[in-house]
Amino acid sequence: MTDIIHIVSRFDGIGGTEFHAASLAAALRPLAQVRLWADDATAAAPRYGAQAINTFGGAFPRGGTLIMVGTHLQPGLWLDHARPERLVVICNLFSAQRIFAFLSTLERPTLPVADLAFMSEMLKHAIGLPGRISPTLIDLEGFHPSRHRPTERFTIGRHSRDDALKHHPADASLYAMLSWAGAEIHLIGASHLQPALSVTPRLQVFPVGSQAPEDFLAGLDCFYYRTHPAWTEAGGRVVMEALARGLPVVAHPGGGYAEWIDDGENGFLSATQEGLYERLLELKSSLATATRLGRNARESALRLSGGRSVCPGEKATGGKSATCIRHGA
């Protein structure tokens, strides 16, 4: 057992950052003593087993390795007293201004120089700082290909945090076209689209938290992902989850997740509305293509998780890598 590892993140609700922090803690626990901390006392923190930091109450990380998941955290006075032996920052938001501002708050005599981990090559290149590439950590057993078999009605879906920036302005019309072409559409985190989709047949919008991500993905034949032009996805945990589930992914190429998609092999990438529509219909009309891409999707998730270190706390565990939990393909 190594020294203690403290993982600090923001727990606002149900989203990729929260799951990333919780998954990292779960993966490291067999290798070290791990404590999960919330930088703010939110209602969601206890759901993930995170203790809220209380500087004046004496509840904050002390010593060991400190891993900060996200650059949107609020550095408090506790950082002057934590005195970790090692500091790791996982950069998972595509904002150079925010990243540099956050890192500047960590430049203090009580803290070691931070080791940086980036969700994608795209983010690392944009920021221009040294660091390792650390794709999102997921449980590959939990996100195992399901026994779901394609039916007469091909189901396309996506899930995300319930935020308008997670959706493209043209998504509503794309869903309508796909629905009228006979596809079933399932969405989580799209409440703002409901008024525009109220008359669209074969489309269901589920509340965030109504289904576990792995259960929701089990009912899909294909995963679709595109965000608002004003939002660049640094990584895209939901895309990795879909690949691990053995789902072909059709997505816009403007995010870090595009590095995980080999066009025509485990999914399709297209920058246009027409291209996305055609690729989705291609999967709907060809079971052989959907099956081949789905099989490759699972293999790519295994390769991405096992072919590189996805645990920025690896050195803190005596050189052992806490990669995605792998119990078979």
C-alpha atoms as a PDB file:
ATOM      1  CA  MET A   1       0.000   0.000   0.000  1.00  0.00           C
ATOM      2  CA  THR A   2       1.416   3.416  -0.973  1.00  0.00           C
ATOM      3  CA  ASP A   3       0.895   6.835   0.588  1.00  0.00           C
ATOM      4  CA  ILE A   4      -2.562   8.327   0.473  1.00  0.00           C
ATOM      5  CA  ILE A   5      -3.998   9.711  -2.768  1.00  0.00           C
ATOM      6  CA  HIS A   6      -6.436  12.617  -2.590  1.00  0.00           C
ATOM      7  CA  ILE A   7      -8.728  13.242  -5.575  1.00  0.00           C
ATOM      8  CA  VAL A   8     -10.441  16.637  -5.681  1.00  0.00           C
ATOM      9  CA  SER A   9     -13.143  17.623  -8.160  1.00  0.00           C
ATOM     10  CA  ARG A  10     -16.394  19.553  -8.552  1.00  0.00           C
ATOM     11  CA  PHE A  11     -19.573  17.513  -8.108  1.00  0.00           C
ATOM     12  CA  ASP A  12     -22.332  19.644  -9.627  1.00  0.00           C
ATOM     13  CA  GLY A  13     -24.611  16.829 -10.732  1.00  0.00           C
ATOM     14  CA  ILE A  14     -24.388  14.046 -13.307  1.00  0.00           C
ATOM     15  CA  GLY A  15     -21.642  14.566 -15.852  1.00  0.00           C
ATOM     16  CA  GLY A  16     -18.344  13.397 -17.276  1.00  0.00           C
ATOM     17  CA  THR A  17     -16.116  15.188 -14.772  1.00  0.00           C
ATOM     18  CA  GLU A  18     -17.961  13.713 -11.812  1.00  0.00           C
ATOM     19  CA  PHE A  19     -17.841  10.186 -13.251  1.00  0.00           C
ATOM     20  CA  HIS A  20     -14.183  10.631 -14.192  1.00  0.00           C
ATOM     21  CA  ALA A  21     -13.204  11.529 -10.630  1.00  0.00           C
ATOM     22  CA  ALA A  22     -15.271   8.721  -9.115  1.00  0.00           C
ATOM     23  CA  SER A  23     -13.943   6.149 -11.612  1.00  0.00           C
ATOM     24  CA  LEU A  24     -10.363   7.215 -10.956  1.00  0.00           C
ATOM     25  CA  ALA A  25     -10.898   6.775  -7.224  1.00  0.00           C
ATOM     26  CA  ALA A  26     -12.405   3.317  -7.736  1.00  0.00           C
ATOM     27  CA  ALA A  27      -9.538   2.226  -9.984  1.00  0.00           C
ATOM     28  CA  LEU A  28      -6.853   3.397  -7.567  1.00  0.00           C
ATOM     29  CA  ARG A  29      -8.349   1.969  -4.368  1.00  0.00           C
ATOM     30  CA  PRO A  30      -6.901  -1.546  -4.869  1.00  0.00           C
ATOM     31  CA  LEU A  31      -3.457   0.058  -5.116  1.00  0.00           C
ATOM     32  CA  ALA A  32      -3.519   2.795  -2.489  1.00  0.00           C
ATOM     33  CA  GLN A  33      -5.537   4.535   0.187  1.00  0.00           C
ATOM     34  CA  VAL A  34      -7.776   6.972  -1.693  1.00  0.00           C
ATOM     35  CA  ARG A  35      -9.983   9.817  -0.512  1.00  0.00           C
ATOM     36  CA  LEU A  36     -12.436  11.634  -2.775  1.00  0.00           C
ATOM     37  CA  TRP A  37     -13.043  15.314  -2.065  1.00  0.00           C
ATOM     38  CA  ALA A  38     -15.486  17.935  -3.367  1.00  0.00           C
ATOM     39  CA  ASP A  39     -14.194  21.497  -3.670  1.00  0.00           C
ATOM     40  CA  ASP A  40     -17.676  22.757  -2.829  1.00  0.00           C
ATOM     41  CA  ALA A  41     -20.445  21.413  -0.595  1.00  0.00           C
ATOM     42  CA  THR A  42     -22.913  20.491  -3.336  1.00  0.00           C
ATOM     43  CA  ALA A  43     -25.958  18.258  -2.975  1.00  0.00           C
ATOM     44  CA  ALA A  44     -24.463  15.800  -5.474  1.00  0.00           C
ATOM     45  CA  ALA A  45     -21.145  15.241  -3.661  1.00  0.00           C
ATOM     46  CA  PRO A  46     -22.402  12.544  -1.228  1.00  0.00           C
ATOM     47  CA  ARG A  47     -23.817  10.569  -4.164  1.00  0.00           C
ATOM     48  CA  TYR A  48     -20.251   9.988  -5.367  1.00  0.00           C
ATOM     49  CA  GLY A  49     -18.846   9.373  -1.904  1.00  0.00           C
ATOM     50  CA  ALA A  50     -17.021  12.707  -1.912  1.00  0.00           C
ATOM     51  CA  GLN A  51     -16.434  14.691   1.270  1.00  0.00           C
ATOM     52  CA  ALA A  52     -16.777  18.462   1.001  1.00  0.00           C
ATOM     53  CA  ILE A  53     -13.611  20.397   1.801  1.00  0.00           C
ATOM     54  CA  ASN A  54     -13.966  22.597   4.880  1.00  0.00           C
ATOM     55  CA  THR A  55     -10.796  24.584   5.451  1.00  0.00           C
ATOM     56  CA  PHE A  56     -11.706  26.069   8.808  1.00  0.00           C
ATOM     57  CA  GLY A  57     -13.209  22.794   9.969  1.00  0.00           C
ATOM     58  CA  GLY A  58      -9.930  21.007   9.250  1.00  0.00           C
ATOM     59  CA  ALA A  59     -11.449  18.738   6.579  1.00  0.00           C
ATOM     60  CA  PHE A  60      -9.138  18.906   3.583  1.00  0.00           C
ATOM     61  CA  PRO A  61      -6.439  16.804   1.844  1.00  0.00           C
ATOM     62  CA  ARG A  62      -3.104  16.534   3.635  1.00  0.00           C
ATOM     63  CA  GLY A  63       0.136  15.097   2.258  1.00  0.00           C
ATOM     64  CA  GLY A  64       0.413  12.231  -0.223  1.00  0.00           C
ATOM     65  CA  THR A  65      -0.519  12.730  -3.868  1.00  0.00           C
ATOM     66  CA  LEU A  66      -3.095  15.350  -4.776  1.00  0.00           C
ATOM     67  CA  ILE A  67      -5.000  14.817  -8.049  1.00  0.00           C
ATOM     68  CA  MET A  68      -7.240  17.664  -9.177  1.00  0.00           C
ATOM     69  CA  VAL A  69      -9.798  16.594 -11.788  1.00  0.00           C
ATOM     70  CA  GLY A  70     -10.763  19.678 -13.767  1.00  0.00           C
ATOM     71  CA  THR A  71      -9.486  23.231 -14.082  1.00  0.00           C
ATOM     72  CA  HIS A  72     -12.799  24.809 -13.068  1.00  0.00           C
ATOM     73  CA  LEU A  73     -12.197  24.194  -9.366  1.00  0.00           C
ATOM     74  CA  GLN A  74     -12.030  26.893  -6.699  1.00  0.00           C
ATOM     75  CA  PRO A  75      -8.594  26.792  -5.035  1.00  0.00           C
ATOM     76  CA  GLY A  76      -9.135  27.592  -1.367  1.00  0.00           C
ATOM     77  CA  LEU A  77      -6.938  28.455   1.575  1.00  0.00           C
ATOM     78  CA  TRP A  78      -6.618  24.741   2.271  1.00  0.00           C
ATOM     79  CA  LEU A  79      -4.035  24.477  -0.510  1.00  0.00           C
ATOM     80  CA  ASP A  80      -1.563  26.381   1.668  1.00  0.00           C
ATOM     81  CA  HIS A  81      -1.864  23.674   4.312  1.00  0.00           C
ATOM     82  CA  ALA A  82      -2.274  20.508   2.198  1.00  0.00           C
ATOM     83  CA  ARG A  83       1.464  20.149   1.428  1.00  0.00           C
ATOM     84  CA  PRO A  84       1.213  17.168  -0.964  1.00  0.00           C
ATOM     85  CA  GLU A  85       4.336  15.364  -2.114  1.00  0.00           C
ATOM     86  CA  ARG A  86       3.031  15.286  -5.670  1.00  0.00           C
ATOM     87  CA  LEU A  87       0.433  17.336  -7.529  1.00  0.00           C
ATOM     88  CA  VAL A  88      -1.422  16.192 -10.662  1.00  0.00           C
ATOM     89  CA  VAL A  89      -3.892  18.309 -12.632  1.00  0.00           C
ATOM     90  CA  ILE A  90      -6.216  16.640 -15.141  1.00  0.00           C
ATOM     91  CA  CYS A  91      -7.143  19.207 -17.790  1.00  0.00           C
ATOM     92  CA  ASN A  92     -10.556  18.266 -19.173  1.00  0.00           C
ATOM     93  CA  LEU A  93     -12.060  21.563 -20.346  1.00  0.00           C
ATOM     94  CA  PHE A  94     -11.141  23.213 -23.644  1.00  0.00           C
ATOM     95  CA  SER A  95     -10.297  26.694 -22.369  1.00  0.00           C
ATOM     96  CA  ALA A  96      -6.735  27.980 -22.418  1.00  0.00           C
ATOM     97  CA  GLN A  97      -7.720  31.007 -20.356  1.00  0.00           C
ATOM     98  CA  ARG A  98      -9.249  28.865 -17.644  1.00  0.00           C
ATOM     99  CA  ILE A  99      -6.390  26.357 -17.604  1.00  0.00           C
ATOM    100  CA  PHE A 100      -3.666  29.003 -17.312  1.00  0.00           C
ATOM    101  CA  ALA A 101      -5.645  30.936 -14.706  1.00  0.00           C
ATOM    102  CA  PHE A 102      -6.109  27.790 -12.625  1.00  0.00           C
ATOM    103  CA  LEU A 103      -2.468  26.753 -12.907  1.00  0.00           C
ATOM    104  CA  SER A 104      -1.376  30.225 -11.790  1.00  0.00           C
ATOM    105  CA  THR A 105      -3.285  29.729  -8.526  1.00  0.00           C
ATOM    106  CA  LEU A 106      -1.219  26.598  -7.875  1.00  0.00           C
ATOM    107  CA  GLU A 107       2.098  28.443  -8.073  1.00  0.00           C
ATOM    108  CA  ARG A 108       2.781  28.703  -4.369  1.00  0.00           C
ATOM    109  CA  PRO A 109       5.690  27.616  -2.150  1.00  0.00           C
ATOM    110  CA  THR A 110       3.575  25.028  -0.355  1.00  0.00           C
ATOM    111  CA  LEU A 111       2.880  23.046  -3.545  1.00  0.00           C
ATOM    112  CA  PRO A 112       5.133  21.043  -5.885  1.00  0.00           C
ATOM    113  CA  VAL A 113       5.129  21.809  -9.602  1.00  0.00           C
ATOM    114  CA  ALA A 114       2.022  20.243 -11.102  1.00  0.00           C
ATOM    115  CA  ASP A 115       2.208  17.295 -13.483  1.00  0.00           C
ATOM    116  CA  LEU A 116      -0.361  17.834 -16.232  1.00  0.00           C
ATOM    117  CA  ALA A 117      -2.610  15.273 -17.894  1.00  0.00           C
ATOM    118  CA  PHE A 118      -4.687  16.156 -20.958  1.00  0.00           C
ATOM    119  CA  MET A 119      -7.829  14.420 -22.157  1.00  0.00           C
ATOM    120  CA  SER A 120      -6.680  14.492 -25.786  1.00  0.00           C
ATOM    121  CA  GLU A 121      -3.807  15.407 -28.098  1.00  0.00           C
ATOM    122  CA  MET A 122      -6.054  18.166 -29.409  1.00  0.00           C
ATOM    123  CA  LEU A 123      -6.222  19.834 -25.996  1.00  0.00           C
ATOM    124  CA  LYS A 124      -2.522  19.368 -25.273  1.00  0.00           C
ATOM    125  CA  HIS A 125      -1.579  20.897 -28.625  1.00  0.00           C
ATOM    126  CA  ALA A 126      -3.924  23.850 -28.093  1.00  0.00           C
ATOM    127  CA  ILE A 127      -2.502  24.597 -24.633  1.00  0.00           C
ATOM    128  CA  GLY A 128       1.132  24.040 -25.593  1.00  0.00           C
ATOM    129  CA  LEU A 129       2.307  22.721 -22.228  1.00  0.00           C
ATOM    130  CA  PRO A 130       4.116  19.434 -21.499  1.00  0.00           C
ATOM    131  CA  GLY A 131       2.081  16.597 -20.062  1.00  0.00           C
ATOM    132  CA  ARG A 132       0.756  13.131 -20.716  1.00  0.00           C
ATOM    133  CA  ILE A 133      -2.329  12.182 -22.694  1.00  0.00           C
ATOM    134  CA  SER A 134      -4.871  10.700 -20.297  1.00  0.00           C
ATOM    135  CA  PRO A 135      -8.180   9.645 -21.902  1.00  0.00           C
ATOM    136  CA  THR A 136     -11.159   9.369 -19.620  1.00  0.00           C
ATOM    137  CA  LEU A 137     -11.186   6.409 -17.257  1.00  0.00           C
ATOM    138  CA  ILE A 138     -14.150   4.035 -17.486  1.00  0.00           C
ATOM    139  CA  ASP A 139     -15.122   0.613 -16.208  1.00  0.00           C
ATOM    140  CA  LEU A 140     -14.820  -1.661 -19.229  1.00  0.00           C
ATOM    141  CA  GLU A 141     -16.715  -4.406 -17.462  1.00  0.00           C
ATOM    142  CA  GLY A 142     -19.673  -2.175 -16.694  1.00  0.00           C
ATOM    143  CA  PHE A 143     -19.633  -0.807 -20.237  1.00  0.00           C
ATOM    144  CA  HIS A 144     -19.531  -4.204 -21.889  1.00  0.00           C
ATOM    145  CA  PRO A 145     -21.280  -4.922 -25.218  1.00  0.00           C
ATOM    146  CA  SER A 146     -24.889  -5.738 -24.396  1.00  0.00           C
ATOM    147  CA  ARG A 147     -27.073  -8.592 -25.514  1.00  0.00           C
ATOM    148  CA  HIS A 148     -29.311  -6.065 -27.263  1.00  0.00           C
ATOM    149  CA  ARG A 149     -29.964  -7.104 -30.830  1.00  0.00           C
ATOM    150  CA  PRO A 150     -31.034  -4.745 -33.616  1.00  0.00           C
ATOM    151  CA  THR A 151     -34.761  -4.851 -34.211  1.00  0.00           C
ATOM    152  CA  GLU A 152     -36.871  -3.631 -37.077  1.00  0.00           C
ATOM    153  CA  ARG A 153     -36.594  -0.147 -35.619  1.00  0.00           C
ATOM    154  CA  PHE A 154     -33.004   1.116 -35.495  1.00  0.00           C
ATOM    155  CA  THR A 155     -32.373   3.164 -32.323  1.00  0.00           C
ATOM    156  CA  ILE A 156     -30.041   6.157 -32.382  1.00  0.00           C
ATOM    157  CA  GLY A 157     -29.253   7.932 -29.141  1.00  0.00           C
ATOM    158  CA  ARG A 158     -27.020  10.171 -27.121  1.00  0.00           C
ATOM    159  CA  HIS A 159     -26.717  11.380 -23.543  1.00  0.00           C
ATOM    160  CA  SER A 160     -24.920  14.244 -21.874  1.00  0.00           C
ATOM    161  CA  ARG A 161     -25.183  16.864 -19.170  1.00  0.00           C
ATOM    162  CA  ASP A 162     -28.454  18.790 -19.649  1.00  0.00           C
ATOM    163  CA  ASP A 163     -26.889  21.890 -21.190  1.00  0.00           C
ATOM    164  CA  ALA A 164     -27.779  23.612 -24.466  1.00  0.00           C
ATOM    165  CA  LEU A 165     -24.065  23.893 -25.319  1.00  0.00           C
ATOM    166  CA  LYS A 166     -23.892  20.096 -25.480  1.00  0.00           C
ATOM    167  CA  HIS A 167     -26.187  20.160 -28.533  1.00  0.00           C
ATOM    168  CA  HIS A 168     -25.832  21.612 -32.023  1.00  0.00           C
ATOM    169  CA  PRO A 169     -28.526  24.105 -33.133  1.00  0.00           C
ATOM    170  CA  ALA A 170     -29.316  21.822 -36.097  1.00  0.00           C
ATOM    171  CA  ASP A 171     -29.726  18.674 -33.992  1.00  0.00           C
ATOM    172  CA  ALA A 172     -33.501  19.052 -33.662  1.00  0.00           C
ATOM    173  CA  SER A 173     -33.951  19.031 -37.432  1.00  0.00           C
ATOM    174  CA  LEU A 174     -31.537  16.099 -37.774  1.00  0.00           C
ATOM    175  CA  TYR A 175     -33.535  14.070 -35.257  1.00  0.00           C
ATOM    176  CA  ALA A 176     -36.757  14.928 -37.061  1.00  0.00           C
ATOM    177  CA  MET A 177     -35.353  13.777 -40.413  1.00  0.00           C
ATOM    178  CA  LEU A 178     -34.046  10.542 -38.918  1.00  0.00           C
ATOM    179  CA  SER A 179     -37.352   9.889 -37.200  1.00  0.00           C
ATOM    180  CA  TRP A 180     -39.325  10.380 -40.397  1.00  0.00           C
ATOM    181  CA  ALA A 181     -36.872   7.962 -42.063  1.00  0.00           C
ATOM    182  CA  GLY A 182     -37.954   5.307 -39.552  1.00  0.00           C
ATOM    183  CA  ALA A 183     -35.302   5.568 -36.846  1.00  0.00           C
ATOM    184  CA  GLU A 184     -36.065   5.590 -33.127  1.00  0.00           C
ATOM    185  CA  ILE A 185     -34.386   8.454 -31.241  1.00  0.00           C
ATOM    186  CA  HIS A 186     -33.541   8.268 -27.515  1.00  0.00           C
ATOM    187  CA  LEU A 187     -32.036  11.296 -25.744  1.00  0.00           C
ATOM    188  CA  ILE A 188     -30.893  12.085 -22.205  1.00  0.00           C
ATOM    189  CA  GLY A 189     -29.929  15.641 -21.297  1.00  0.00           C
ATOM    190  CA  ALA A 190     -31.927  17.360 -24.043  1.00  0.00           C
ATOM    191  CA  SER A 191     -34.789  18.990 -22.164  1.00  0.00           C
ATOM    192  CA  HIS A 192     -34.356  22.292 -24.012  1.00  0.00           C
ATOM    193  CA  LEU A 193     -35.064  20.500 -27.311  1.00  0.00           C
ATOM    194  CA  GLN A 194     -38.416  19.100 -26.212  1.00  0.00           C
ATOM    195  CA  PRO A 195     -40.545  22.026 -27.493  1.00  0.00           C
ATOM    196  CA  ALA A 196     -38.998  21.736 -30.962  1.00  0.00           C
ATOM    197  CA  LEU A 197     -39.417  17.952 -30.989  1.00  0.00           C
ATOM    198  CA  SER A 198     -42.898  17.672 -29.501  1.00  0.00           C
ATOM    199  CA  VAL A 199     -44.459  16.524 -32.786  1.00  0.00           C
ATOM    200  CA  THR A 200     -41.557  14.303 -33.845  1.00  0.00           C
ATOM    201  CA  PRO A 201     -42.611  10.640 -33.882  1.00  0.00           C
ATOM    202  CA  ARG A 202     -40.500   7.823 -32.464  1.00  0.00           C
ATOM    203  CA  LEU A 203     -38.497  10.217 -30.278  1.00  0.00           C
ATOM    204  CA  GLN A 204     -38.133  10.016 -26.498  1.00  0.00           C
ATOM    205  CA  VAL A 205     -36.384  12.495 -24.195  1.00  0.00           C
ATOM    206  CA  PHE A 206     -35.503  11.058 -20.781  1.00  0.00           C
ATOM    207  CA  PRO A 207     -34.575  13.108 -17.694  1.00  0.00           C
ATOM    208  CA  VAL A 208     -30.947  13.212 -16.607  1.00  0.00           C
ATOM    209  CA  GLY A 209     -30.395  10.554 -13.958  1.00  0.00           C
ATOM    210  CA  SER A 210     -33.405   8.470 -14.995  1.00  0.00           C
ATOM    211  CA  GLN A 211     -31.108   5.716 -16.301  1.00  0.00           C
ATOM    212  CA  ALA A 212     -27.531   4.725 -15.617  1.00  0.00           C
ATOM    213  CA  PRO A 213     -25.347   5.456 -18.675  1.00  0.00           C
ATOM    214  CA  GLU A 214     -24.565   1.772 -19.221  1.00  0.00           C
ATOM    215  CA  ASP A 215     -28.258   0.855 -19.113  1.00  0.00           C
ATOM    216  CA  PHE A 216     -29.210   3.643 -21.497  1.00  0.00           C
ATOM    217  CA  LEU A 217     -26.527   2.629 -23.995  1.00  0.00           C
ATOM    218  CA  ALA A 218     -27.709  -0.986 -23.846  1.00  0.00           C
ATOM    219  CA  GLY A 219     -30.889   0.043 -25.663  1.00  0.00           C
ATOM    220  CA  LEU A 220     -29.124   1.726 -28.584  1.00  0.00           C
ATOM    221  CA  ASP A 221     -27.879   0.517 -31.944  1.00  0.00           C
ATOM    222  CA  CYS A 222     -25.775   3.605 -32.624  1.00  0.00           C
ATOM    223  CA  PHE A 223     -24.407   6.581 -30.671  1.00  0.00           C
ATOM    224  CA  TYR A 224     -24.478  10.107 -32.096  1.00  0.00           C
ATOM    225  CA  TYR A 225     -22.545  13.103 -30.798  1.00  0.00           C
ATOM    226  CA  ARG A 226     -22.216  16.739 -31.814  1.00  0.00           C
ATOM    227  CA  THR A 227     -22.014  19.871 -29.675  1.00  0.00           C
ATOM    228  CA  HIS A 228     -22.777  23.553 -30.126  1.00  0.00           C
ATOM    229  CA  PRO A 229     -20.169  25.428 -32.242  1.00  0.00           C
ATOM    230  CA  ALA A 230     -19.446  27.559 -29.165  1.00  0.00           C
ATOM    231  CA  TRP A 231     -18.401  24.473 -27.167  1.00  0.00           C
ATOM    232  CA  THR A 232     -15.346  22.345 -27.925  1.00  0.00           C
ATOM    233  CA  GLU A 233     -15.274  18.993 -26.168  1.00  0.00           C
ATOM    234  CA  ALA A 234     -11.788  18.377 -24.784  1.00  0.00           C
ATOM    235  CA  GLY A 235     -12.387  14.648 -24.512  1.00  0.00           C
ATOM    236  CA  GLY A 236     -15.881  13.232 -24.433  1.00  0.00           C
ATOM    237  CA  ARG A 237     -16.412  10.522 -21.835  1.00  0.00           C
ATOM    238  CA  VAL A 238     -19.802   9.594 -23.296  1.00  0.00           C
ATOM    239  CA  VAL A 239     -18.121   8.700 -26.592  1.00  0.00           C
ATOM    240  CA  MET A 240     -15.638   6.383 -24.883  1.00  0.00           C
ATOM    241  CA  GLU A 241     -18.491   4.736 -22.994  1.00  0.00           C
ATOM    242  CA  ALA A 242     -20.340   4.123 -26.267  1.00  0.00           C
ATOM    243  CA  LEU A 243     -17.257   2.615 -27.902  1.00  0.00           C
ATOM    244  CA  ALA A 244     -16.759   0.336 -24.902  1.00  0.00           C
ATOM    245  CA  ARG A 245     -20.383  -0.735 -25.215  1.00  0.00           C
ATOM    246  CA  GLY A 246     -19.668  -1.845 -28.772  1.00  0.00           C
ATOM    247  CA  LEU A 247     -21.721   0.895 -30.415  1.00  0.00           C
ATOM    248  CA  PRO A 248     -20.691   2.501 -33.698  1.00  0.00           C
ATOM    249  CA  VAL A 249     -20.308   6.243 -33.134  1.00  0.00           C
ATOM    250  CA  VAL A 250     -21.333   8.902 -35.649  1.00  0.00           C
ATOM    251  CA  ALA A 251     -19.956  12.279 -34.647  1.00  0.00           C
ATOM    252  CA  HIS A 252     -18.793  15.711 -35.694  1.00  0.00           C
ATOM    253  CA  PRO A 253     -14.964  15.831 -35.877  1.00  0.00           C
ATOM    254  CA  GLY A 254     -14.633  19.000 -33.786  1.00  0.00           C
ATOM    255  CA  GLY A 255     -13.754  17.467 -30.421  1.00  0.00           C
ATOM    256  CA  GLY A 256     -11.013  15.511 -28.687  1.00  0.00           C
ATOM    257  CA  TYR A 257     -13.130  12.353 -28.937  1.00  0.00           C
ATOM    258  CA  ALA A 258     -12.505  12.366 -32.713  1.00  0.00           C
ATOM    259  CA  GLU A 259      -9.035  10.962 -31.951  1.00  0.00           C
ATOM    260  CA  TRP A 260     -10.730   7.765 -30.791  1.00  0.00           C
ATOM    261  CA  ILE A 261     -12.817   7.331 -33.949  1.00  0.00           C
ATOM    262  CA  ASP A 262     -11.287   5.788 -37.054  1.00  0.00           C
ATOM    263  CA  ASP A 263     -13.634   6.920 -39.818  1.00  0.00           C
ATOM    264  CA  GLY A 264     -15.274   3.919 -41.444  1.00  0.00           C
ATOM    265  CA  GLU A 265     -13.769   1.461 -38.954  1.00  0.00           C
ATOM    266  CA  ASN A 266     -15.412   2.010 -35.551  1.00  0.00           C
ATOM    267  CA  GLY A 267     -17.682   4.870 -36.522  1.00  0.00           C
ATOM    268  CA  PHE A 268     -18.083   7.801 -38.869  1.00  0.00           C
ATOM    269  CA  LEU A 269     -16.994  11.434 -38.705  1.00  0.00           C
ATOM    270  CA  SER A 270     -18.666  14.205 -40.668  1.00  0.00           C
ATOM    271  CA  ALA A 271     -18.646  17.983 -40.338  1.00  0.00           C
ATOM    272  CA  THR A 272     -21.927  18.504 -42.208  1.00  0.00           C
ATOM    273  CA  GLN A 273     -25.592  17.915 -41.454  1.00  0.00           C
ATOM    274  CA  GLU A 274     -26.000  15.974 -44.689  1.00  0.00           C
ATOM    275  CA  GLY A 275     -22.975  13.799 -43.998  1.00  0.00           C
ATOM    276  CA  LEU A 276     -24.119  12.904 -40.498  1.00  0.00           C
ATOM    277  CA  TYR A 277     -27.613  12.093 -41.753  1.00  0.00           C
ATOM    278  CA  GLU A 278     -26.268   9.860 -44.537  1.00  0.00           C
ATOM    279  CA  ARG A 279     -23.878   7.982 -42.243  1.00  0.00           C
ATOM    280  CA  LEU A 280     -26.610   7.347 -39.674  1.00  0.00           C
ATOM    281  CA  LEU A 281     -28.955   6.051 -42.361  1.00  0.00           C
ATOM    282  CA  GLU A 282     -26.148   3.881 -43.738  1.00  0.00           C
ATOM    283  CA  LEU A 283     -25.879   2.146 -40.375  1.00  0.00           C
ATOM    284  CA  LYS A 284     -29.653   1.843 -40.156  1.00  0.00           C
ATOM    285  CA  SER A 285     -29.857   0.172 -43.547  1.00  0.00           C
ATOM    286  CA  SER A 286     -26.889  -2.188 -43.168  1.00  0.00           C
ATOM    287  CA  LEU A 287     -26.796  -4.581 -40.220  1.00  0.00           C
ATOM    288  CA  ALA A 288     -23.448  -5.914 -41.466  1.00  0.00           C
ATOM    289  CA  THR A 289     -21.861  -2.467 -41.376  1.00  0.00           C
ATOM    290  CA  ALA A 290     -23.319  -1.652 -37.956  1.00  0.00           C
ATOM    291  CA  THR A 291     -22.114  -4.995 -36.577  1.00  0.00           C
ATOM    292  CA  ARG A 292     -18.604  -4.604 -37.994  1.00  0.00           C
ATOM    293  CA  LEU A 293     -18.200  -1.062 -36.697  1.00  0.00           C
ATOM    294  CA  GLY A 294     -19.631  -2.047 -33.315  1.00  0.00           C
ATOM    295  CA  ARG A 295     -17.154  -4.893 -32.944  1.00  0.00           C
ATOM    296  CA  ASN A 296     -14.310  -2.556 -33.884  1.00  0.00           C
ATOM    297  CA  ALA A 297     -15.633   0.034 -31.437  1.00  0.00           C
ATOM    298  CA  ARG A 298     -15.221  -2.336 -28.513  1.00  0.00           C
ATOM    299  CA  GLU A 299     -11.751  -3.323 -29.672  1.00  0.00           C
ATOM    300  CA  SER A 300     -10.724   0.319 -29.968  1.00  0.00           C
ATOM    301  CA  ALA A 301     -11.922   1.046 -26.417  1.00  0.00           C
ATOM    302  CA  LEU A 302      -9.846  -1.870 -25.122  1.00  0.00           C
ATOM    303  CA  ARG A 303      -6.844  -0.659 -27.096  1.00  0.00           C
ATOM    304  CA  LEU A 304      -7.183   2.927 -25.894  1.00  0.00           C
ATOM    305  CA  SER A 305      -7.462   1.846 -22.273  1.00  0.00           C
ATOM    306  CA  GLY A 306      -4.730  -0.775 -22.325  1.00  0.00           C
ATOM    307  CA  GLY A 307      -2.312   0.580 -24.877  1.00  0.00           C
ATOM    308  CA  ARG A 308      -1.439   3.714 -22.930  1.00  0.00           C
ATOM    309  CA  SER A 309      -1.470   4.797 -19.313  1.00  0.00           C
ATOM    310  CA  VAL A 310      -4.771   6.461 -18.588  1.00  0.00           C
ATOM    311  CA  CYS A 311      -4.039   6.922 -14.911  1.00  0.00           C
ATOM    312  CA  PRO A 312      -2.151  10.117 -14.086  1.00  0.00           C
ATOM    313  CA  GLY A 313      -1.639   8.783 -10.570  1.00  0.00           C
ATOM    314  CA  GLU A 314       0.435   5.851 -11.818  1.00  0.00           C
ATOM    315  CA  LYS A 315       3.667   7.010 -10.193  1.00  0.00           C
ATOM    316  CA  ALA A 316       1.839   7.380  -6.916  1.00  0.00           C
ATOM    317  CA  THR A 317       1.040   3.676  -6.926  1.00  0.00           C
ATOM    318  CA  GLY A 318       4.572   2.363  -7.179  1.00  0.00           C
ATOM    319  CA  GLY A 319       4.571   2.271 -10.976  1.00  0.00           C
ATOM    320  CA  LYS A 320       1.390   0.246 -11.242  1.00  0.00           C
ATOM    321  CA  SER A 321      -1.084   1.578 -13.774  1.00  0.00           C
ATOM    322  CA  ALA A 322      -4.714   1.886 -12.766  1.00  0.00           C
ATOM    323  CA  THR A 323      -6.086   1.684 -16.267  1.00  0.00           C
ATOM    324  CA  CYS A 324      -9.688   0.974 -17.084  1.00  0.00           C
ATOM    325  CA  ILE A 325     -11.005  -2.061 -15.237  1.00  0.00           C
ATOM    326  CA  ARG A 326     -10.721  -4.917 -17.682  1.00  0.00           C
ATOM    327  CA  HIS A 327     -12.411  -8.234 -17.021  1.00  0.00           C
ATOM    328  CA  GLY A 328     -12.633  -9.730 -20.456  1.00  0.00           C
ATOM    329  CA  ALA A 329     -13.712  -8.437 -23.833  1.00  0.00           C
END
